[in-house]
Amino acid sequence: MRNDRARLEDILRAITSIERYAVRGRAAFELDELLQSWMIYHLALIGEAATRLSPALRGYHPEVPWPGLISMRNVLVHGYFSVDLDEVWATVERRVPSLRKQVGLTEGSRPSTRPPCPACGPSLDGLP
């Protein structure tokens, strides 16, 4: 069974995949159906991983917009032809970079002044 650490790493891999092609810019995104599908797929992966995180971890880290990530996944997966590409790009451009910081598993450790979470340790970096 996969643990919270593995799911957070899934989120970071998806963010890295999004960032790899986001640098091409909005014009490339608007013209390239494969690029659109790439972004949608990886945003859906982020939402799926967020769905499967433990309630304890999500509750202890309310600064991360878990409900929004999960809702976006549902729209992307079940919305089919009603997916708003403007919203997808806005998410890629504005929300994904801050999500990397919020998840807290970047190269550097993020110190926390909170008492330890019984399920996840002192920070997201404290996960097993």
N, C-alpha and C. Protein backbone atom coordinates (compact mmCIF):
# COMPACT_ATOMS: atom_id res chain seq x y z
N MET A 1 0.84 -1.18 0.00
CA MET A 1 0.00 0.00 0.00
C MET A 1 0.89 1.25 0.00
N ARG A 2 0.52 2.22 -0.79
CA ARG A 2 1.31 3.45 -0.90
C ARG A 2 0.99 4.37 0.27
N ASN A 3 2.03 5.02 0.78
CA ASN A 3 1.85 5.92 1.92
C ASN A 3 1.79 7.37 1.46
N ASP A 4 1.60 8.27 2.42
CA ASP A 4 1.51 9.70 2.11
C ASP A 4 2.77 10.22 1.43
N ARG A 5 3.91 9.77 1.87
CA ARG A 5 5.18 10.22 1.28
C ARG A 5 5.18 9.90 -0.22
N ALA A 6 4.81 8.70 -0.59
CA ALA A 6 4.79 8.30 -2.01
C ALA A 6 3.80 9.15 -2.80
N ARG A 7 2.68 9.45 -2.21
CA ARG A 7 1.68 10.27 -2.91
C ARG A 7 2.14 11.72 -3.07
N LEU A 8 2.82 12.25 -2.07
CA LEU A 8 3.38 13.60 -2.19
C LEU A 8 4.48 13.63 -3.25
N GLU A 9 5.24 12.56 -3.33
CA GLU A 9 6.26 12.48 -4.38
C GLU A 9 5.60 12.39 -5.76
N ASP A 10 4.45 11.71 -5.85
CA ASP A 10 3.69 11.69 -7.11
C ASP A 10 3.28 13.11 -7.50
N ILE A 11 2.84 13.88 -6.52
CA ILE A 11 2.44 15.27 -6.79
C ILE A 11 3.63 16.06 -7.30
N LEU A 12 4.79 15.90 -6.68
CA LEU A 12 5.98 16.63 -7.11
C LEU A 12 6.45 16.21 -8.50
N ARG A 13 6.36 14.92 -8.80
CA ARG A 13 6.74 14.48 -10.15
C ARG A 13 5.81 15.09 -11.19
N ALA A 14 4.52 15.15 -10.88
CA ALA A 14 3.57 15.76 -11.81
C ALA A 14 3.85 17.25 -11.98
N ILE A 15 4.18 17.93 -10.88
CA ILE A 15 4.53 19.35 -10.96
C ILE A 15 5.77 19.53 -11.85
N THR A 16 6.77 18.70 -11.65
CA THR A 16 7.99 18.78 -12.47
C THR A 16 7.66 18.57 -13.95
N SER A 17 6.78 17.62 -14.23
CA SER A 17 6.38 17.37 -15.62
C SER A 17 5.66 18.57 -16.21
N ILE A 18 4.81 19.19 -15.43
CA ILE A 18 4.09 20.39 -15.90
C ILE A 18 5.09 21.52 -16.16
N GLU A 19 5.99 21.74 -15.22
CA GLU A 19 6.95 22.84 -15.34
C GLU A 19 7.87 22.66 -16.55
N ARG A 20 8.17 21.40 -16.88
CA ARG A 20 9.07 21.13 -18.00
C ARG A 20 8.55 21.76 -19.29
N TYR A 21 7.22 21.76 -19.48
CA TYR A 21 6.65 22.26 -20.73
C TYR A 21 5.94 23.60 -20.57
N ALA A 22 5.67 24.02 -19.37
CA ALA A 22 5.03 25.32 -19.14
C ALA A 22 5.92 26.46 -19.61
N VAL A 23 7.22 26.26 -19.59
CA VAL A 23 8.15 27.31 -20.01
C VAL A 23 7.97 27.68 -21.48
N ARG A 24 7.30 26.86 -22.24
CA ARG A 24 7.04 27.17 -23.65
C ARG A 24 6.04 28.32 -23.78
N GLY A 25 5.27 28.55 -22.72
CA GLY A 25 4.36 29.68 -22.70
C GLY A 25 2.95 29.36 -23.16
N ARG A 26 2.10 30.34 -22.95
CA ARG A 26 0.68 30.18 -23.25
C ARG A 26 0.40 29.99 -24.74
N ALA A 27 1.12 30.72 -25.57
CA ALA A 27 0.88 30.60 -27.02
C ALA A 27 1.11 29.17 -27.49
N ALA A 28 2.17 28.54 -27.03
CA ALA A 28 2.44 27.14 -27.39
C ALA A 28 1.34 26.24 -26.85
N PHE A 29 0.91 26.49 -25.63
CA PHE A 29 -0.16 25.71 -25.01
C PHE A 29 -1.44 25.81 -25.83
N GLU A 30 -1.78 27.00 -26.26
CA GLU A 30 -3.03 27.20 -27.01
C GLU A 30 -3.00 26.52 -28.38
N LEU A 31 -1.81 26.38 -28.97
CA LEU A 31 -1.69 25.83 -30.31
C LEU A 31 -1.46 24.32 -30.35
N ASP A 32 -1.07 23.74 -29.22
CA ASP A 32 -0.63 22.35 -29.21
C ASP A 32 -1.56 21.47 -28.38
N GLU A 33 -2.36 20.66 -29.06
CA GLU A 33 -3.31 19.77 -28.38
C GLU A 33 -2.59 18.76 -27.49
N LEU A 34 -1.43 18.30 -27.91
CA LEU A 34 -0.67 17.36 -27.07
C LEU A 34 -0.21 18.03 -25.78
N LEU A 35 0.21 19.26 -25.87
CA LEU A 35 0.63 20.02 -24.70
C LEU A 35 -0.56 20.24 -23.76
N GLN A 36 -1.71 20.53 -24.30
CA GLN A 36 -2.92 20.68 -23.49
C GLN A 36 -3.23 19.36 -22.76
N SER A 37 -3.18 18.26 -23.50
CA SER A 37 -3.45 16.95 -22.89
C SER A 37 -2.43 16.62 -21.81
N TRP A 38 -1.17 16.98 -22.04
CA TRP A 38 -0.09 16.75 -21.08
C TRP A 38 -0.41 17.46 -19.75
N MET A 39 -0.76 18.74 -19.87
CA MET A 39 -1.06 19.53 -18.67
C MET A 39 -2.28 18.98 -17.94
N ILE A 40 -3.32 18.68 -18.69
CA ILE A 40 -4.55 18.15 -18.08
C ILE A 40 -4.26 16.84 -17.37
N TYR A 41 -3.52 15.96 -18.02
CA TYR A 41 -3.20 14.65 -17.43
C TYR A 41 -2.44 14.82 -16.11
N HIS A 42 -1.44 15.67 -16.09
CA HIS A 42 -0.64 15.82 -14.87
C HIS A 42 -1.39 16.57 -13.77
N LEU A 43 -2.24 17.50 -14.13
CA LEU A 43 -3.09 18.14 -13.11
C LEU A 43 -4.05 17.11 -12.51
N ALA A 44 -4.57 16.22 -13.34
CA ALA A 44 -5.45 15.17 -12.83
C ALA A 44 -4.68 14.23 -11.90
N LEU A 45 -3.43 13.93 -12.23
CA LEU A 45 -2.61 13.10 -11.34
C LEU A 45 -2.42 13.75 -9.98
N ILE A 46 -2.19 15.05 -9.98
CA ILE A 46 -2.04 15.78 -8.72
C ILE A 46 -3.31 15.64 -7.89
N GLY A 47 -4.46 15.84 -8.51
CA GLY A 47 -5.73 15.71 -7.79
C GLY A 47 -5.99 14.31 -7.30
N GLU A 48 -5.62 13.32 -8.09
CA GLU A 48 -5.80 11.92 -7.68
C GLU A 48 -4.93 11.61 -6.47
N ALA A 49 -3.68 12.04 -6.50
CA ALA A 49 -2.79 11.81 -5.36
C ALA A 49 -3.31 12.53 -4.12
N ALA A 50 -3.81 13.75 -4.30
CA ALA A 50 -4.35 14.51 -3.16
C ALA A 50 -5.56 13.80 -2.56
N THR A 51 -6.38 13.20 -3.43
CA THR A 51 -7.56 12.46 -2.95
C THR A 51 -7.16 11.32 -2.04
N ARG A 52 -6.04 10.69 -2.35
CA ARG A 52 -5.63 9.49 -1.62
C ARG A 52 -4.71 9.76 -0.43
N LEU A 53 -4.39 11.02 -0.18
CA LEU A 53 -3.63 11.35 1.03
C LEU A 53 -4.50 11.10 2.26
N SER A 54 -3.86 10.81 3.36
CA SER A 54 -4.62 10.57 4.59
C SER A 54 -5.35 11.84 5.03
N PRO A 55 -6.54 11.68 5.61
CA PRO A 55 -7.24 12.85 6.15
C PRO A 55 -6.40 13.58 7.21
N ALA A 56 -5.60 12.83 7.97
CA ALA A 56 -4.77 13.47 9.00
C ALA A 56 -3.76 14.43 8.36
N LEU A 57 -3.11 14.01 7.29
CA LEU A 57 -2.13 14.88 6.65
C LEU A 57 -2.83 16.09 6.04
N ARG A 58 -3.91 15.87 5.32
CA ARG A 58 -4.62 17.00 4.71
C ARG A 58 -5.13 17.96 5.79
N GLY A 59 -5.63 17.43 6.89
CA GLY A 59 -6.14 18.28 7.96
C GLY A 59 -5.06 19.07 8.66
N TYR A 60 -3.89 18.49 8.76
CA TYR A 60 -2.78 19.16 9.45
C TYR A 60 -2.12 20.23 8.58
N HIS A 61 -2.38 20.17 7.29
CA HIS A 61 -1.79 21.13 6.36
C HIS A 61 -2.88 21.82 5.55
N PRO A 62 -3.70 22.63 6.23
CA PRO A 62 -4.79 23.31 5.54
C PRO A 62 -4.31 24.42 4.60
N GLU A 63 -3.04 24.80 4.69
CA GLU A 63 -2.51 25.83 3.79
C GLU A 63 -2.44 25.33 2.34
N VAL A 64 -2.45 24.03 2.17
CA VAL A 64 -2.46 23.44 0.83
C VAL A 64 -3.92 23.32 0.39
N PRO A 65 -4.26 23.77 -0.80
CA PRO A 65 -5.67 23.77 -1.24
C PRO A 65 -6.14 22.38 -1.69
N TRP A 66 -6.13 21.41 -0.77
CA TRP A 66 -6.51 20.04 -1.11
C TRP A 66 -7.88 19.96 -1.80
N PRO A 67 -8.91 20.61 -1.24
CA PRO A 67 -10.24 20.50 -1.89
C PRO A 67 -10.23 21.02 -3.33
N GLY A 68 -9.49 22.09 -3.57
CA GLY A 68 -9.40 22.63 -4.92
C GLY A 68 -8.69 21.68 -5.88
N LEU A 69 -7.64 21.04 -5.40
CA LEU A 69 -6.90 20.08 -6.22
C LEU A 69 -7.80 18.90 -6.59
N ILE A 70 -8.55 18.45 -5.61
CA ILE A 70 -9.44 17.31 -5.82
C ILE A 70 -10.59 17.69 -6.75
N SER A 71 -11.16 18.87 -6.55
CA SER A 71 -12.25 19.34 -7.42
C SER A 71 -11.78 19.50 -8.86
N MET A 72 -10.59 20.05 -9.03
CA MET A 72 -10.08 20.22 -10.39
C MET A 72 -9.89 18.87 -11.05
N ARG A 73 -9.39 17.91 -10.33
CA ARG A 73 -9.23 16.56 -10.87
C ARG A 73 -10.57 16.04 -11.35
N ASN A 74 -11.61 16.22 -10.55
CA ASN A 74 -12.93 15.71 -10.92
C ASN A 74 -13.44 16.37 -12.20
N VAL A 75 -13.23 17.66 -12.32
CA VAL A 75 -13.66 18.36 -13.54
C VAL A 75 -12.86 17.87 -14.74
N LEU A 76 -11.55 17.74 -14.58
CA LEU A 76 -10.71 17.31 -15.69
C LEU A 76 -11.01 15.88 -16.13
N VAL A 77 -11.28 15.02 -15.17
CA VAL A 77 -11.52 13.63 -15.50
C VAL A 77 -12.95 13.39 -15.99
N HIS A 78 -13.91 14.08 -15.41
CA HIS A 78 -15.31 13.83 -15.75
C HIS A 78 -15.94 14.91 -16.62
N GLY A 79 -15.23 16.03 -16.79
CA GLY A 79 -15.79 17.13 -17.56
C GLY A 79 -15.68 16.94 -19.06
N TYR A 80 -14.72 16.08 -19.46
CA TYR A 80 -14.49 15.78 -20.87
C TYR A 80 -14.47 17.03 -21.75
N PHE A 81 -15.52 17.29 -22.49
CA PHE A 81 -15.51 18.37 -23.47
C PHE A 81 -15.81 19.74 -22.87
N SER A 82 -16.02 19.81 -21.57
CA SER A 82 -16.31 21.09 -20.95
C SER A 82 -15.10 21.65 -20.19
N VAL A 83 -13.93 21.08 -20.40
CA VAL A 83 -12.72 21.56 -19.73
C VAL A 83 -12.38 22.94 -20.27
N ASP A 84 -12.18 23.87 -19.36
CA ASP A 84 -11.85 25.25 -19.72
C ASP A 84 -10.33 25.40 -19.80
N LEU A 85 -9.82 25.51 -21.02
CA LEU A 85 -8.37 25.58 -21.20
C LEU A 85 -7.77 26.85 -20.61
N ASP A 86 -8.55 27.92 -20.53
CA ASP A 86 -8.06 29.13 -19.86
C ASP A 86 -7.80 28.85 -18.38
N GLU A 87 -8.69 28.11 -17.77
CA GLU A 87 -8.53 27.75 -16.35
C GLU A 87 -7.35 26.79 -16.17
N VAL A 88 -7.19 25.86 -17.09
CA VAL A 88 -6.06 24.95 -17.02
C VAL A 88 -4.75 25.74 -17.07
N TRP A 89 -4.64 26.68 -18.02
CA TRP A 89 -3.41 27.46 -18.13
C TRP A 89 -3.21 28.34 -16.89
N ALA A 90 -4.27 28.94 -16.39
CA ALA A 90 -4.16 29.77 -15.18
C ALA A 90 -3.62 28.94 -14.02
N THR A 91 -4.08 27.71 -13.92
CA THR A 91 -3.60 26.82 -12.87
C THR A 91 -2.12 26.51 -13.06
N VAL A 92 -1.75 26.19 -14.28
CA VAL A 92 -0.35 25.88 -14.59
C VAL A 92 0.55 27.07 -14.26
N GLU A 93 0.12 28.24 -14.66
CA GLU A 93 0.95 29.43 -14.53
C GLU A 93 0.99 30.00 -13.11
N ARG A 94 -0.14 29.98 -12.42
CA ARG A 94 -0.22 30.68 -11.13
C ARG A 94 -0.27 29.75 -9.92
N ARG A 95 -0.87 28.61 -10.06
CA ARG A 95 -1.09 27.78 -8.87
C ARG A 95 -0.06 26.67 -8.69
N VAL A 96 0.43 26.13 -9.80
CA VAL A 96 1.39 25.03 -9.71
C VAL A 96 2.68 25.46 -9.02
N PRO A 97 3.27 26.62 -9.36
CA PRO A 97 4.51 27.00 -8.67
C PRO A 97 4.34 27.13 -7.15
N SER A 98 3.23 27.69 -6.70
CA SER A 98 3.04 27.82 -5.26
C SER A 98 2.73 26.46 -4.63
N LEU A 99 2.13 25.56 -5.39
CA LEU A 99 1.84 24.23 -4.85
C LEU A 99 3.14 23.50 -4.53
N ARG A 100 4.13 23.65 -5.38
CA ARG A 100 5.43 23.01 -5.09
C ARG A 100 5.94 23.47 -3.72
N LYS A 101 5.87 24.75 -3.46
CA LYS A 101 6.33 25.28 -2.17
C LYS A 101 5.47 24.77 -1.03
N GLN A 102 4.16 24.72 -1.25
CA GLN A 102 3.25 24.28 -0.19
C GLN A 102 3.44 22.81 0.16
N VAL A 103 3.69 22.00 -0.83
CA VAL A 103 3.88 20.58 -0.55
C VAL A 103 5.13 20.38 0.29
N GLY A 104 6.14 21.22 0.08
CA GLY A 104 7.27 21.25 1.00
C GLY A 104 8.26 20.13 0.85
N LEU A 105 8.30 19.52 -0.30
CA LEU A 105 9.28 18.44 -0.49
C LEU A 105 10.35 18.84 -1.50
N THR A 106 10.61 20.13 -1.59
CA THR A 106 11.64 20.60 -2.50
C THR A 106 13.00 20.22 -1.97
N GLU A 107 14.03 20.56 -2.71
CA GLU A 107 15.39 20.19 -2.34
C GLU A 107 15.73 20.57 -0.90
N GLY A 108 15.36 21.77 -0.49
CA GLY A 108 15.64 22.21 0.87
C GLY A 108 14.53 21.84 1.82
N SER A 109 14.86 21.62 3.04
CA SER A 109 13.87 21.29 4.05
C SER A 109 13.14 22.55 4.51
N ARG A 110 11.89 22.39 4.82
CA ARG A 110 11.08 23.52 5.29
C ARG A 110 10.86 23.35 6.80
N PRO A 111 11.42 24.20 7.61
CA PRO A 111 11.23 24.07 9.05
C PRO A 111 9.80 24.40 9.46
N SER A 112 9.36 23.81 10.52
CA SER A 112 8.02 24.07 11.01
C SER A 112 8.08 24.40 12.49
N THR A 113 7.23 25.35 12.91
CA THR A 113 7.18 25.69 14.33
C THR A 113 5.98 25.03 14.99
N ARG A 114 5.18 24.30 14.20
CA ARG A 114 4.01 23.61 14.76
C ARG A 114 4.43 22.37 15.54
N PRO A 115 3.60 21.96 16.48
CA PRO A 115 3.88 20.69 17.14
C PRO A 115 3.72 19.56 16.13
N PRO A 116 4.38 18.45 16.35
CA PRO A 116 4.32 17.36 15.39
C PRO A 116 2.89 16.85 15.16
N CYS A 117 2.61 16.55 13.92
CA CYS A 117 1.36 15.90 13.53
C CYS A 117 1.53 14.41 13.82
N PRO A 118 0.62 13.79 14.53
CA PRO A 118 0.78 12.36 14.83
C PRO A 118 0.92 11.51 13.57
N ALA A 119 0.28 11.93 12.49
CA ALA A 119 0.30 11.12 11.27
C ALA A 119 1.46 11.47 10.35
N CYS A 120 1.96 12.72 10.44
CA CYS A 120 2.90 13.12 9.40
C CYS A 120 4.17 13.77 9.92
N GLY A 121 4.36 13.93 11.19
CA GLY A 121 5.59 14.53 11.68
C GLY A 121 5.48 16.03 11.75
N PRO A 122 6.58 16.74 12.00
CA PRO A 122 6.56 18.18 12.19
C PRO A 122 6.25 18.97 10.94
N SER A 123 6.46 18.41 9.77
CA SER A 123 6.15 19.08 8.51
C SER A 123 5.95 18.01 7.47
N LEU A 124 5.62 18.41 6.27
CA LEU A 124 5.50 17.42 5.20
C LEU A 124 6.83 16.74 4.98
N ASP A 125 7.92 17.44 5.29
CA ASP A 125 9.24 16.82 5.17
C ASP A 125 9.45 15.74 6.22
N GLY A 126 8.65 15.72 7.26
CA GLY A 126 8.81 14.74 8.31
C GLY A 126 8.12 13.42 8.04
N LEU A 127 7.55 13.26 6.87
CA LEU A 127 6.85 12.03 6.56
C LEU A 127 7.82 10.86 6.42
N PRO A 128 7.35 9.67 6.78
CA PRO A 128 8.22 8.50 6.62
C PRO A 128 8.43 8.17 5.15
